[in-house]
Amino acid sequence: MADQRFTYMMLGRLQSDCDYFLGFGNRAEKHLWAGNVVGQIKEMKKLYNELEIKPEWLTLEQINDYEKEMTTQRTLAITTNHPMS
């Protein structure tokens, strides 16, 4: 087995970027290593598939969940106390 420490570390970094993007990062792609959601998820899947021993802290299903959540636009319901509404 080749030394895959860098692959594990990079996958962890990409996962952290996704968590930040979905939280305090306000869904801004500038906070993603790849610079965009599509590239980020593509790189995560590539790295995951390269690993001979899969990490316990991240599954392919979770990566797919990140993809769904990150590509879904969120809309805000705005309510006002305007007398005409």
Protein backbone atom coordinates (compact mmCIF):
# COMPACT_ATOMS: atom_id res chain seq x y z
CA MET A 1 0.00 0.00 0.00
CA ALA A 2 1.40 3.34 -1.02
CA ASP A 3 1.53 6.15 1.50
CA GLN A 4 -1.86 7.79 1.20
CA ARG A 5 -1.59 10.28 4.08
CA PHE A 6 -1.74 13.24 1.73
CA THR A 7 -4.92 11.89 0.12
CA TYR A 8 -6.61 11.51 3.52
CA MET A 9 -5.50 15.00 4.57
CA MET A 10 -6.66 16.56 1.32
CA LEU A 11 -10.02 14.83 1.52
CA GLY A 12 -10.40 16.14 5.07
CA ARG A 13 -9.53 19.64 3.88
CA LEU A 14 -12.11 19.47 1.12
CA GLN A 15 -14.74 18.23 3.58
CA SER A 16 -13.94 21.13 5.93
CA ASP A 17 -14.36 23.55 3.03
CA CYS A 18 -17.80 22.06 2.33
CA ASP A 19 -18.84 22.41 5.96
CA TYR A 20 -17.70 26.04 5.98
CA PHE A 21 -19.42 26.74 2.65
CA LEU A 22 -22.70 25.43 4.04
CA GLY A 23 -22.31 27.25 7.36
CA PHE A 24 -20.45 30.46 8.07
CA GLY A 25 -19.13 30.68 4.50
CA ASN A 26 -22.56 31.85 3.34
CA ARG A 27 -22.42 29.48 0.32
CA ALA A 28 -19.64 31.55 -1.27
CA GLU A 29 -17.65 29.40 -3.70
CA LYS A 30 -14.51 31.45 -3.05
CA HIS A 31 -14.16 29.42 0.17
CA LEU A 32 -13.88 26.13 -1.72
CA TRP A 33 -10.48 24.70 -2.63
CA ALA A 34 -11.65 24.04 -6.19
CA GLY A 35 -13.29 27.47 -6.50
CA ASN A 36 -16.66 25.96 -7.37
CA VAL A 37 -19.05 23.29 -6.13
CA VAL A 38 -18.79 21.01 -9.15
CA GLY A 39 -15.00 20.91 -9.04
CA GLN A 40 -14.96 20.44 -5.26
CA ILE A 41 -17.26 17.41 -5.34
CA LYS A 42 -15.46 15.95 -8.36
CA GLU A 43 -12.12 16.16 -6.54
CA MET A 44 -13.59 14.65 -3.36
CA LYS A 45 -14.96 11.66 -5.30
CA LYS A 46 -11.64 11.22 -7.12
CA LEU A 47 -9.64 11.22 -3.89
CA TYR A 48 -12.12 8.94 -2.13
CA ASN A 49 -11.94 6.41 -4.95
CA GLU A 50 -8.12 6.48 -4.89
CA LEU A 51 -8.03 5.34 -1.27
CA GLU A 52 -7.42 1.65 -0.71
CA ILE A 53 -8.76 1.89 2.84
CA LYS A 54 -11.78 4.17 3.01
CA PRO A 55 -11.95 6.65 5.89
CA GLU A 56 -14.34 6.00 8.76
CA TRP A 57 -15.17 9.70 8.95
CA LEU A 58 -16.48 10.11 5.38
CA THR A 59 -18.46 7.88 3.04
CA LEU A 60 -19.30 8.22 -0.62
CA GLU A 61 -22.93 8.65 0.44
CA GLN A 62 -21.93 11.64 2.55
CA ILE A 63 -20.05 13.16 -0.39
CA ASN A 64 -23.21 12.73 -2.49
CA ASP A 65 -25.19 14.41 0.30
CA TYR A 66 -22.75 17.35 0.23
CA GLU A 67 -23.27 17.57 -3.51
CA LYS A 68 -27.05 17.69 -3.16
CA GLU A 69 -26.99 20.24 -0.37
CA MET A 70 -24.40 22.45 -2.02
CA THR A 71 -26.14 22.53 -5.40
CA THR A 72 -29.60 23.22 -4.00
CA GLN A 73 -30.50 26.87 -3.88
CA ARG A 74 -31.99 28.03 -0.63
CA THR A 75 -34.79 30.53 -0.66
CA LEU A 76 -35.79 32.70 2.22
CA ALA A 77 -39.38 33.38 3.10
CA ILE A 78 -39.65 37.06 3.86
CA THR A 79 -42.58 38.32 5.82
CA THR A 80 -43.30 41.91 6.61
CA ASN A 81 -45.68 43.82 8.77
CA HIS A 82 -46.55 46.10 5.89
CA PRO A 83 -50.18 47.25 6.07
CA MET A 84 -50.77 46.28 2.42
CA SER A 85 -49.71 42.67 2.86
